[in-house]
């Protein structure tokens, strides 16, 4: 039972980090700071994820 709880906590922590990285990438893209590649590297998101965020921001 403890192992299941530990795994759930780890998954939640990783999801929180991903959401934070997405928010940071969105802010950087909105501010026009850095290339898609630079933002991907800084946030540890994939280039494809950052490109999708960039498209979303441009369409808003």
PDB file of N, CA and C in Angstrom:
ATOM      1  N   UNK A   1       0.828  -1.202   0.000  1.00  0.00           N
ATOM      2  CA  UNK A   1       0.000   0.000   0.000  1.00  0.00           C
ATOM      3  C   UNK A   1       0.866   1.258   0.000  1.00  0.00           C
ATOM      4  N   UNK A   2       1.953   1.250   0.760  1.00  0.00           N
ATOM      5  CA  UNK A   2       2.831   2.423   0.807  1.00  0.00           C
ATOM      6  C   UNK A   2       3.474   2.692  -0.550  1.00  0.00           C
ATOM      7  N   UNK A   3       3.801   1.622  -1.256  1.00  0.00           N
ATOM      8  CA  UNK A   3       4.428   1.783  -2.564  1.00  0.00           C
ATOM      9  C   UNK A   3       3.465   2.452  -3.543  1.00  0.00           C
ATOM     10  N   UNK A   4       2.209   2.077  -3.477  1.00  0.00           N
ATOM     11  CA  UNK A   4       1.201   2.689  -4.350  1.00  0.00           C
ATOM     12  C   UNK A   4       1.071   4.174  -4.037  1.00  0.00           C
ATOM     13  N   UNK A   5       1.013   4.514  -2.773  1.00  0.00           N
ATOM     14  CA  UNK A   5       0.929   5.926  -2.382  1.00  0.00           C
ATOM     15  C   UNK A   5       2.159   6.694  -2.837  1.00  0.00           C
ATOM     16  N   UNK A   6       3.318   6.088  -2.704  1.00  0.00           N
ATOM     17  CA  UNK A   6       4.563   6.739  -3.125  1.00  0.00           C
ATOM     18  C   UNK A   6       4.558   6.987  -4.629  1.00  0.00           C
ATOM     19  N   UNK A   7       4.108   5.998  -5.398  1.00  0.00           N
ATOM     20  CA  UNK A   7       4.037   6.152  -6.846  1.00  0.00           C
ATOM     21  C   UNK A   7       3.043   7.242  -7.233  1.00  0.00           C
ATOM     22  N   UNK A   8       1.928   7.302  -6.532  1.00  0.00           N
ATOM     23  CA  UNK A   8       0.931   8.334  -6.815  1.00  0.00           C
ATOM     24  C   UNK A   8       1.486   9.720  -6.505  1.00  0.00           C
ATOM     25  N   UNK A   9       2.207   9.836  -5.414  1.00  0.00           N
ATOM     26  CA  UNK A   9       2.820  11.121  -5.053  1.00  0.00           C
ATOM     27  C   UNK A   9       3.862  11.533  -6.085  1.00  0.00           C
ATOM     28  N   UNK A  10       4.661  10.576  -6.537  1.00  0.00           N
ATOM     29  CA  UNK A  10       5.672  10.874  -7.557  1.00  0.00           C
ATOM     30  C   UNK A  10       5.029  11.327  -8.856  1.00  0.00           C
ATOM     31  N   UNK A  11       3.947  10.662  -9.259  1.00  0.00           N
ATOM     32  CA  UNK A  11       3.245  11.050 -10.482  1.00  0.00           C
ATOM     33  C   UNK A  11       2.662  12.456 -10.351  1.00  0.00           C
ATOM     34  N   UNK A  12       2.085  12.754  -9.196  1.00  0.00           N
ATOM     35  CA  UNK A  12       1.506  14.082  -8.971  1.00  0.00           C
ATOM     36  C   UNK A  12       2.593  15.149  -9.004  1.00  0.00           C
ATOM     37  N   UNK A  13       3.736  14.852  -8.427  1.00  0.00           N
ATOM     38  CA  UNK A  13       4.859  15.794  -8.417  1.00  0.00           C
ATOM     39  C   UNK A  13       5.348  16.055  -9.837  1.00  0.00           C
ATOM     40  N   UNK A  14       5.466  14.991 -10.624  1.00  0.00           N
ATOM     41  CA  UNK A  14       5.918  15.140 -12.009  1.00  0.00           C
ATOM     42  C   UNK A  14       4.905  15.942 -12.828  1.00  0.00           C
ATOM     43  N   UNK A  15       3.626  15.700 -12.607  1.00  0.00           N
ATOM     44  CA  UNK A  15       2.583  16.443 -13.321  1.00  0.00           C
ATOM     45  C   UNK A  15       2.642  17.928 -12.956  1.00  0.00           C
ATOM     46  N   UNK A  16       2.882  18.210 -11.694  1.00  0.00           N
ATOM     47  CA  UNK A  16       3.008  19.602 -11.250  1.00  0.00           C
ATOM     48  C   UNK A  16       4.184  20.299 -11.899  1.00  0.00           C
ATOM     49  N   UNK A  17       5.301  19.591 -12.025  1.00  0.00           N
ATOM     50  CA  UNK A  17       6.477  20.159 -12.681  1.00  0.00           C
ATOM     51  C   UNK A  17       6.194  20.429 -14.156  1.00  0.00           C
ATOM     52  N   UNK A  18       5.475  19.519 -14.797  1.00  0.00           N
ATOM     53  CA  UNK A  18       5.140  19.684 -16.220  1.00  0.00           C
ATOM     54  C   UNK A  18       4.250  20.911 -16.412  1.00  0.00           C
ATOM     55  N   UNK A  19       3.246  21.059 -15.545  1.00  0.00           N
ATOM     56  CA  UNK A  19       2.353  22.214 -15.644  1.00  0.00           C
ATOM     57  C   UNK A  19       3.123  23.512 -15.448  1.00  0.00           C
ATOM     58  N   UNK A  20       4.052  23.508 -14.518  1.00  0.00           N
ATOM     59  CA  UNK A  20       4.872  24.693 -14.277  1.00  0.00           C
ATOM     60  C   UNK A  20       5.730  25.020 -15.503  1.00  0.00           C
ATOM     61  N   UNK A  21       6.307  24.001 -16.104  1.00  0.00           N
ATOM     62  CA  UNK A  21       7.124  24.201 -17.299  1.00  0.00           C
ATOM     63  C   UNK A  21       6.294  24.757 -18.444  1.00  0.00           C
ATOM     64  N   UNK A  22       5.069  24.270 -18.580  1.00  0.00           N
ATOM     65  CA  UNK A  22       4.176  24.763 -19.631  1.00  0.00           C
ATOM     66  C   UNK A  22       3.852  26.233 -19.403  1.00  0.00           C
ATOM     67  N   UNK A  23       3.572  26.601 -18.159  1.00  0.00           N
ATOM     68  CA  UNK A  23       3.268  28.004 -17.846  1.00  0.00           C
ATOM     69  C   UNK A  23       4.454  28.905 -18.151  1.00  0.00           C
ATOM     70  N   UNK A  24       5.643  28.469 -17.795  1.00  0.00           N
ATOM     71  CA  UNK A  24       6.848  29.263 -18.061  1.00  0.00           C
ATOM     72  C   UNK A  24       7.060  29.403 -19.566  1.00  0.00           C
ATOM     73  N   UNK A  25       6.900  28.314 -20.297  1.00  0.00           N
ATOM     74  CA  UNK A  25       7.065  28.363 -21.757  1.00  0.00           C
ATOM     75  C   UNK A  25       6.060  29.320 -22.382  1.00  0.00           C
ATOM     76  N   UNK A  26       4.823  29.290 -21.909  1.00  0.00           N
ATOM     77  CA  UNK A  26       3.801  30.201 -22.434  1.00  0.00           C
ATOM     78  C   UNK A  26       4.187  31.652 -22.167  1.00  0.00           C
ATOM     79  N   UNK A  27       4.693  31.926 -20.994  1.00  0.00           N
ATOM     80  CA  UNK A  27       5.098  33.302 -20.674  1.00  0.00           C
ATOM     81  C   UNK A  27       6.248  33.751 -21.559  1.00  0.00           C
ATOM     82  N   UNK A  28       7.241  32.896 -21.733  1.00  0.00           N
ATOM     83  CA  UNK A  28       8.387  33.246 -22.576  1.00  0.00           C
ATOM     84  C   UNK A  28       7.965  33.469 -24.022  1.00  0.00           C
ATOM     85  N   UNK A  29       7.096  32.605 -24.519  1.00  0.00           N
ATOM     86  CA  UNK A  29       6.609  32.768 -25.887  1.00  0.00           C
ATOM     87  C   UNK A  29       5.812  34.062 -26.036  1.00  0.00           C
ATOM     88  N   UNK A  30       4.967  34.364 -25.067  1.00  0.00           N
ATOM     89  CA  UNK A  30       4.160  35.589 -25.118  1.00  0.00           C
ATOM     90  C   UNK A  30       5.030  36.834 -25.105  1.00  0.00           C
ATOM     91  N   UNK A  31       6.162  36.738 -24.423  1.00  0.00           N
ATOM     92  CA  UNK A  31       7.072  37.878 -24.320  1.00  0.00           C
ATOM     93  C   UNK A  31       8.046  37.928 -25.502  1.00  0.00           C
ATOM     94  N   UNK A  32       8.011  36.899 -26.357  1.00  0.00           N
ATOM     95  CA  UNK A  32       8.916  36.854 -27.498  1.00  0.00           C
ATOM     96  C   UNK A  32      10.360  36.610 -27.103  1.00  0.00           C
ATOM     97  N   UNK A  33      10.547  35.923 -26.007  1.00  0.00           N
ATOM     98  CA  UNK A  33      11.900  35.699 -25.493  1.00  0.00           C
ATOM     99  C   UNK A  33      12.405  34.316 -25.881  1.00  0.00           C
ATOM    100  N   UNK A  34      13.412  34.260 -26.708  1.00  0.00           N
ATOM    101  CA  UNK A  34      14.055  33.009 -27.054  1.00  0.00           C
ATOM    102  C   UNK A  34      13.389  32.283 -28.205  1.00  0.00           C
ATOM    103  N   UNK A  35      14.123  31.349 -28.737  1.00  0.00           N
ATOM    104  CA  UNK A  35      13.607  30.517 -29.812  1.00  0.00           C
ATOM    105  C   UNK A  35      12.843  29.331 -29.208  1.00  0.00           C
ATOM    106  N   UNK A  36      12.107  28.649 -30.053  1.00  0.00           N
ATOM    107  CA  UNK A  36      11.387  27.455 -29.605  1.00  0.00           C
ATOM    108  C   UNK A  36      12.387  26.463 -29.002  1.00  0.00           C
ATOM    109  N   UNK A  37      13.524  26.323 -29.642  1.00  0.00           N
ATOM    110  CA  UNK A  37      14.547  25.389 -29.165  1.00  0.00           C
ATOM    111  C   UNK A  37      15.086  25.809 -27.803  1.00  0.00           C
ATOM    112  N   UNK A  38      15.345  27.112 -27.625  1.00  0.00           N
ATOM    113  CA  UNK A  38      15.843  27.609 -26.342  1.00  0.00           C
ATOM    114  C   UNK A  38      14.821  27.385 -25.227  1.00  0.00           C
ATOM    115  N   UNK A  39      13.573  27.662 -25.527  1.00  0.00           N
ATOM    116  CA  UNK A  39      12.509  27.504 -24.527  1.00  0.00           C
ATOM    117  C   UNK A  39      12.330  26.030 -24.175  1.00  0.00           C
ATOM    118  N   UNK A  40      12.399  25.170 -25.175  1.00  0.00           N
ATOM    119  CA  UNK A  40      12.289  23.729 -24.925  1.00  0.00           C
ATOM    120  C   UNK A  40      13.424  23.261 -24.014  1.00  0.00           C
ATOM    121  N   UNK A  41      14.598  23.730 -24.300  1.00  0.00           N
ATOM    122  CA  UNK A  41      15.764  23.342 -23.498  1.00  0.00           C
ATOM    123  C   UNK A  41      15.640  23.852 -22.061  1.00  0.00           C
ATOM    124  N   UNK A  42      15.204  25.091 -21.902  1.00  0.00           N
ATOM    125  CA  UNK A  42      15.103  25.693 -20.581  1.00  0.00           C
ATOM    126  C   UNK A  42      14.005  25.066 -19.725  1.00  0.00           C
ATOM    127  N   UNK A  43      12.914  24.662 -20.370  1.00  0.00           N
ATOM    128  CA  UNK A  43      11.769  24.141 -19.621  1.00  0.00           C
ATOM    129  C   UNK A  43      11.716  22.618 -19.590  1.00  0.00           C
ATOM    130  N   UNK A  44      12.615  21.989 -20.345  1.00  0.00           N
ATOM    131  CA  UNK A  44      12.651  20.524 -20.466  1.00  0.00           C
ATOM    132  C   UNK A  44      11.382  19.965 -21.108  1.00  0.00           C
ATOM    133  N   UNK A  45      10.722  20.801 -21.920  1.00  0.00           N
ATOM    134  CA  UNK A  45       9.608  20.338 -22.739  1.00  0.00           C
ATOM    135  C   UNK A  45      10.179  19.945 -24.093  1.00  0.00           C
ATOM    136  N   UNK A  46       9.435  19.171 -24.852  1.00  0.00           N
ATOM    137  CA  UNK A  46       9.905  18.814 -26.189  1.00  0.00           C
ATOM    138  C   UNK A  46       9.703  20.010 -27.123  1.00  0.00           C
ATOM    139  N   UNK A  47      10.444  20.017 -28.198  1.00  0.00           N
ATOM    140  CA  UNK A  47      10.300  21.080 -29.194  1.00  0.00           C
ATOM    141  C   UNK A  47       8.876  21.069 -29.735  1.00  0.00           C
ATOM    142  N   UNK A  48       8.332  19.890 -29.953  1.00  0.00           N
ATOM    143  CA  UNK A  48       6.963  19.778 -30.458  1.00  0.00           C
ATOM    144  C   UNK A  48       5.965  20.403 -29.477  1.00  0.00           C
ATOM    145  N   UNK A  49       6.152  20.170 -28.181  1.00  0.00           N
ATOM    146  CA  UNK A  49       5.245  20.750 -27.184  1.00  0.00           C
ATOM    147  C   UNK A  49       5.308  22.280 -27.214  1.00  0.00           C
ATOM    148  N   UNK A  50       6.515  22.813 -27.323  1.00  0.00           N
ATOM    149  CA  UNK A  50       6.678  24.268 -27.350  1.00  0.00           C
ATOM    150  C   UNK A  50       6.096  24.832 -28.640  1.00  0.00           C
ATOM    151  N   UNK A  51       6.285  24.141 -29.758  1.00  0.00           N
ATOM    152  CA  UNK A  51       5.702  24.590 -31.025  1.00  0.00           C
ATOM    153  C   UNK A  51       4.179  24.630 -30.932  1.00  0.00           C
ATOM    154  N   UNK A  52       3.589  23.643 -30.306  1.00  0.00           N
ATOM    155  CA  UNK A  52       2.131  23.613 -30.141  1.00  0.00           C
ATOM    156  C   UNK A  52       1.659  24.768 -29.258  1.00  0.00           C
ATOM    157  N   UNK A  53       2.410  25.063 -28.212  1.00  0.00           N
ATOM    158  CA  UNK A  53       2.073  26.200 -27.354  1.00  0.00           C
ATOM    159  C   UNK A  53       2.177  27.510 -28.140  1.00  0.00           C
ATOM    160  N   UNK A  54       3.202  27.620 -28.976  1.00  0.00           N
ATOM    161  CA  UNK A  54       3.399  28.827 -29.773  1.00  0.00           C
ATOM    162  C   UNK A  54       2.225  29.022 -30.734  1.00  0.00           C
ATOM    163  N   UNK A  55       1.780  27.947 -31.362  1.00  0.00           N
ATOM    164  CA  UNK A  55       0.618  28.035 -32.274  1.00  0.00           C
ATOM    165  C   UNK A  55      -0.628  28.470 -31.509  1.00  0.00           C
ATOM    166  N   UNK A  56      -0.800  27.919 -30.340  1.00  0.00           N
ATOM    167  CA  UNK A  56      -1.963  28.256 -29.517  1.00  0.00           C
ATOM    168  C   UNK A  56      -1.946  29.736 -29.147  1.00  0.00           C
ATOM    169  N   UNK A  57      -0.798  30.241 -28.783  1.00  0.00           N
ATOM    170  CA  UNK A  57      -0.679  31.646 -28.390  1.00  0.00           C
ATOM    171  C   UNK A  57      -0.932  32.555 -29.584  1.00  0.00           C
ATOM    172  N   UNK A  58      -0.419  32.192 -30.757  1.00  0.00           N
ATOM    173  CA  UNK A  58      -0.619  33.014 -31.953  1.00  0.00           C
ATOM    174  C   UNK A  58      -2.075  33.070 -32.383  1.00  0.00           C
ATOM    175  N   UNK A  59      -2.814  31.989 -32.106  1.00  0.00           N
ATOM    176  CA  UNK A  59      -4.216  31.952 -32.525  1.00  0.00           C
ATOM    177  C   UNK A  59      -5.147  32.676 -31.547  1.00  0.00           C
ATOM    178  N   UNK A  60      -4.635  33.032 -30.397  1.00  0.00           N
ATOM    179  CA  UNK A  60      -5.469  33.708 -29.387  1.00  0.00           C
ATOM    180  C   UNK A  60      -5.598  35.182 -29.674  1.00  0.00           C
TER     181      UNK A  60
END
